[in-house]
Amino acid sequence: MIRFQHTEIGYHRPLLAIEDLHLQTGKVYALLGLNGSGKSTLLKTLAAQITVLSGNLLINDFKVEELAQNANLRAQQIAFVSSRFEGVEHLSVADYVGLGRIPYASIFGKLTADERQLVHDTLEKLGLSYLSEKRTLEISDGERQMVSLARAFVQDTPVLLLDEPASFLDFLNREQLLRTLIPWAMHTNRCVVLSSHDLDLCIEHDLPLLLLAQQKLNVVQGLSKRDVQQLLIEKA
């Protein structure tokens, strides 16, 4: 689903070098690293916002260069949720979530009855139906973050990228976020990568961890919090 092949990532010079790594479908990967390790740069590269410096990076067999040049194809392959959604004036929650269907919309941009039902079902699944008619500027930061996730679900892409999605969530919604993402990824065969500072929660849910340290990216799982911290510190 996501494959790195001798990939160098960065802006003008390499920040990360990833030899050969394959991120599988059906899993939620937690991206962890110290400040400045390159988490945001990696996510932006995966989202085809930054081109790779060398090597290949494939998203569902498409090179990121190809996705970068075709916005509609990119939106059909990758959904990206930033760390904060500020809201859009005069736009309701239901209408915002419906924007996830734009890559598949007709030339008139109208949602079909099935797509409107998908929006409704997604909001209900995430416990957000009560927000449906509210304006996106009228709800809390945490609610907006969950609404952004709903839009990504509706976008229905093979890959979902989340940049610190729990930043504005309380502990109950942080738990709910993972309890929603993990079975969704498994049952729909998606690949999810989320950056996080909540090591305890990631370990509690036994997520495969993408550790960014010493300009490398490694996958580990089943380690204790102390072991993960030690790996990050030793390789910093």
Protein backbone atom coordinates (compact mmCIF):
# COMPACT_ATOMS: atom_id res chain seq x y z
CA MET A 1 0.00 0.00 0.00
CA ILE A 2 2.78 2.42 0.98
CA ARG A 3 6.25 1.40 -0.15
CA PHE A 4 9.55 3.18 0.33
CA GLN A 5 12.36 2.15 -2.03
CA HIS A 6 15.72 3.73 -1.18
CA THR A 7 13.81 6.92 -0.49
CA GLU A 8 15.40 10.16 0.66
CA ILE A 9 13.01 12.73 2.11
CA GLY A 10 13.58 16.38 2.92
CA TYR A 11 13.51 19.83 1.42
CA HIS A 12 16.89 20.85 -0.01
CA ARG A 13 18.88 18.13 1.72
CA PRO A 14 17.95 14.69 3.07
CA LEU A 15 16.23 14.66 6.44
CA LEU A 16 15.28 10.97 6.30
CA ALA A 17 16.66 7.97 4.43
CA ILE A 18 14.37 4.93 4.20
CA GLU A 19 15.90 1.92 2.46
CA ASP A 20 13.04 -0.54 1.88
CA LEU A 21 9.85 -0.43 3.91
CA HIS A 22 6.31 -1.56 3.17
CA LEU A 23 3.36 -0.33 5.23
CA GLN A 24 0.53 -2.82 4.97
CA THR A 25 -3.21 -2.42 4.58
CA GLY A 26 -5.54 -3.11 7.46
CA LYS A 27 -3.33 -1.39 10.01
CA VAL A 28 -3.06 1.87 11.93
CA TYR A 29 0.56 2.98 12.27
CA ALA A 30 1.57 5.48 14.94
CA LEU A 31 4.34 7.83 13.82
CA LEU A 32 6.54 8.78 16.77
CA GLY A 33 9.65 10.91 17.09
CA LEU A 34 11.23 13.71 19.04
CA ASN A 35 10.59 17.31 18.02
CA GLY A 36 12.40 18.11 14.80
CA SER A 37 12.81 14.46 13.81
CA GLY A 38 10.79 14.93 10.61
CA LYS A 39 7.28 13.70 11.38
CA SER A 40 5.52 16.56 9.58
CA THR A 41 7.93 16.38 6.64
CA LEU A 42 7.27 12.67 6.26
CA LEU A 43 3.49 13.13 6.40
CA LYS A 44 3.61 15.94 3.83
CA THR A 45 5.72 13.75 1.57
CA LEU A 46 3.24 10.89 1.93
CA ALA A 47 0.49 13.36 1.08
CA ALA A 48 2.34 14.28 -2.14
CA GLN A 49 2.84 17.85 -0.93
CA ILE A 50 6.64 17.47 -0.95
CA THR A 51 8.53 15.56 -3.63
CA VAL A 52 11.08 12.92 -2.66
CA LEU A 53 14.73 13.84 -3.14
CA SER A 54 15.70 10.43 -4.49
CA GLY A 55 14.43 6.88 -4.73
CA ASN A 56 10.77 5.91 -4.97
CA LEU A 57 7.72 6.31 -2.78
CA LEU A 58 4.63 4.44 -3.94
CA ILE A 59 1.09 4.99 -2.70
CA ASN A 60 -1.16 2.15 -3.84
CA ASP A 61 1.27 1.57 -6.79
CA PHE A 62 1.21 5.24 -7.80
CA LYS A 63 4.43 7.23 -7.52
CA VAL A 64 4.00 10.33 -5.37
CA GLU A 65 5.23 12.43 -8.30
CA GLU A 66 2.27 11.22 -10.33
CA LEU A 67 -0.14 12.01 -7.50
CA ALA A 68 1.39 15.46 -7.04
CA GLN A 69 0.61 16.29 -10.67
CA ASN A 70 -2.97 15.01 -10.60
CA ALA A 71 -5.01 16.56 -7.80
CA ASN A 72 -8.12 14.48 -8.44
CA LEU A 73 -6.21 11.20 -8.50
CA ARG A 74 -4.38 12.24 -5.32
CA ALA A 75 -7.68 12.96 -3.59
CA GLN A 76 -8.95 9.52 -4.58
CA GLN A 77 -5.89 7.82 -3.07
CA ILE A 78 -4.99 9.90 -0.01
CA ALA A 79 -7.05 11.64 2.68
CA PHE A 80 -5.14 14.02 4.91
CA VAL A 81 -6.33 15.39 8.25
CA SER A 82 -4.26 18.25 9.62
CA SER A 83 -3.68 18.88 13.31
CA ARG A 84 -6.26 21.67 13.35
CA PHE A 85 -9.33 22.60 11.34
CA GLU A 86 -10.30 26.23 11.91
CA GLY A 87 -13.77 25.94 10.43
CA VAL A 88 -15.32 27.62 7.40
CA GLU A 89 -17.75 30.51 7.70
CA HIS A 90 -21.37 29.69 6.82
CA LEU A 91 -20.53 26.01 6.13
CA SER A 92 -22.49 23.41 8.07
CA VAL A 93 -20.89 20.28 9.46
CA ALA A 94 -22.86 18.05 7.06
CA ASP A 95 -21.83 20.17 4.07
CA TYR A 96 -18.19 20.15 5.16
CA VAL A 97 -18.16 16.37 5.58
CA GLY A 98 -19.79 16.09 2.16
CA LEU A 99 -16.76 17.83 0.64
CA GLY A 100 -15.00 14.49 1.00
CA ARG A 101 -16.96 13.33 -2.05
CA ILE A 102 -15.64 16.08 -4.35
CA PRO A 103 -13.09 13.78 -6.06
CA TYR A 104 -15.97 11.60 -7.24
CA ALA A 105 -18.60 14.30 -7.89
CA SER A 106 -20.34 15.02 -11.16
CA ILE A 107 -19.57 18.17 -13.11
CA PHE A 108 -22.41 19.83 -11.20
CA GLY A 109 -20.79 18.98 -7.87
CA LYS A 110 -23.99 17.67 -6.32
CA LEU A 111 -24.06 14.73 -3.95
CA THR A 112 -26.17 11.73 -4.89
CA ALA A 113 -28.74 10.31 -2.49
CA ASP A 114 -26.30 7.51 -1.65
CA GLU A 115 -23.54 10.00 -0.89
CA ARG A 116 -25.82 12.06 1.36
CA GLN A 117 -26.67 8.83 3.17
CA LEU A 118 -22.95 8.08 3.53
CA VAL A 119 -22.43 11.48 5.16
CA HIS A 120 -25.33 10.81 7.53
CA ASP A 121 -24.11 7.30 8.40
CA THR A 122 -20.54 8.49 8.99
CA LEU A 123 -21.61 11.26 11.34
CA GLU A 124 -23.80 8.79 13.20
CA LYS A 125 -20.99 6.23 13.44
CA LEU A 126 -18.68 8.83 14.99
CA GLY A 127 -21.37 10.10 17.36
CA LEU A 128 -21.51 13.46 15.59
CA SER A 129 -25.09 13.48 14.28
CA TYR A 130 -26.05 16.16 16.78
CA LEU A 131 -23.64 18.53 15.01
CA SER A 132 -24.95 17.93 11.50
CA GLU A 133 -26.72 21.28 11.02
CA LYS A 134 -24.36 23.38 13.13
CA ARG A 135 -21.88 25.72 11.47
CA THR A 136 -18.28 24.59 11.57
CA LEU A 137 -17.33 27.85 13.31
CA GLU A 138 -19.86 27.21 16.09
CA ILE A 139 -18.38 23.97 17.41
CA SER A 140 -15.37 23.29 19.64
CA ASP A 141 -11.82 22.54 18.47
CA GLY A 142 -12.22 18.91 19.50
CA GLU A 143 -15.52 18.58 17.66
CA ARG A 144 -13.98 20.12 14.54
CA GLN A 145 -11.18 17.58 14.71
CA MET A 146 -13.65 14.70 14.79
CA VAL A 147 -15.61 16.33 11.95
CA SER A 148 -12.37 16.43 9.91
CA LEU A 149 -12.02 12.70 10.50
CA ALA A 150 -15.61 12.21 9.29
CA ARG A 151 -14.77 14.08 6.06
CA ALA A 152 -11.74 11.80 5.57
CA PHE A 153 -13.90 8.69 6.08
CA VAL A 154 -16.39 9.97 3.51
CA GLN A 155 -13.51 10.60 1.08
CA ASP A 156 -13.09 6.81 1.08
CA THR A 157 -9.39 6.58 0.16
CA PRO A 158 -7.00 3.61 0.51
CA VAL A 159 -4.61 5.74 2.59
CA LEU A 160 -5.48 8.01 5.51
CA LEU A 161 -2.88 10.37 7.01
CA LEU A 162 -3.48 12.19 10.29
CA ASP A 163 -1.19 14.87 11.70
CA GLU A 164 -1.54 14.70 15.49
CA PRO A 165 -5.32 14.20 15.29
CA ALA A 166 -5.74 14.00 19.07
CA SER A 167 -4.20 17.40 19.82
CA PHE A 168 -7.53 19.00 20.74
CA LEU A 169 -9.35 15.89 21.92
CA ASP A 170 -10.13 15.04 25.54
CA PHE A 171 -9.11 11.62 26.85
CA LEU A 172 -12.48 10.05 26.04
CA ASN A 173 -12.39 11.19 22.41
CA ARG A 174 -8.74 10.14 22.07
CA GLU A 175 -9.78 6.66 23.08
CA GLN A 176 -12.80 6.79 20.77
CA LEU A 177 -10.59 7.91 17.89
CA LEU A 178 -8.47 4.74 18.03
CA ARG A 179 -11.45 2.49 18.78
CA THR A 180 -12.95 3.82 15.54
CA LEU A 181 -9.82 3.84 13.38
CA ILE A 182 -8.45 0.38 14.21
CA PRO A 183 -11.49 -1.74 13.19
CA TRP A 184 -12.23 0.60 10.26
CA ALA A 185 -8.72 0.08 8.85
CA MET A 186 -8.90 -3.66 9.43
CA HIS A 187 -12.36 -4.30 8.00
CA THR A 188 -12.04 -1.95 5.01
CA ASN A 189 -8.40 -2.83 4.24
CA ARG A 190 -7.06 0.73 4.60
CA CYS A 191 -3.63 1.95 5.63
CA VAL A 192 -3.64 4.66 8.31
CA VAL A 193 -0.63 6.65 9.48
CA LEU A 194 -1.09 9.05 12.38
CA SER A 195 1.52 11.11 14.14
CA SER A 196 1.15 11.17 17.90
CA HIS A 197 2.74 12.20 21.18
CA ASP A 198 0.46 9.88 23.15
CA LEU A 199 2.83 6.93 23.53
CA ASP A 200 0.79 5.37 26.34
CA LEU A 201 -2.36 5.17 24.23
CA CYS A 202 -0.50 3.81 21.20
CA ILE A 203 1.11 1.06 23.28
CA GLU A 204 -2.16 0.28 25.05
CA HIS A 205 -3.76 -0.43 21.67
CA ASP A 206 -0.67 -2.32 20.46
CA LEU A 207 -0.25 -0.18 17.36
CA PRO A 208 2.74 -0.81 15.12
CA LEU A 209 5.04 2.15 15.81
CA LEU A 210 6.93 4.06 13.15
CA LEU A 211 9.95 5.37 15.03
CA LEU A 212 11.75 8.36 13.55
CA ALA A 213 15.26 8.65 14.92
CA GLN A 214 18.77 9.26 13.60
CA GLN A 215 17.34 10.11 10.15
CA LYS A 216 15.86 6.62 9.85
CA LEU A 217 12.36 5.14 10.00
CA ASN A 218 11.84 1.78 11.71
CA VAL A 219 8.73 -0.25 12.54
CA VAL A 220 8.48 -1.81 16.01
CA GLN A 221 5.63 -3.37 17.95
CA GLY A 222 5.07 -4.99 21.32
CA LEU A 223 7.71 -2.97 23.16
CA SER A 224 7.22 -1.31 26.53
CA LYS A 225 7.00 2.44 26.89
CA ARG A 226 10.45 2.49 28.49
CA ASP A 227 11.96 0.49 25.62
CA VAL A 228 10.46 2.81 22.99
CA GLN A 229 11.67 5.90 24.85
CA GLN A 230 15.12 4.39 25.14
CA LEU A 231 15.25 3.71 21.40
CA LEU A 232 14.29 7.29 20.61
CA ILE A 233 16.80 8.73 23.08
CA GLU A 234 19.67 6.44 22.07
CA LYS A 235 19.20 7.23 18.39
CA ALA A 236 18.48 10.93 18.79
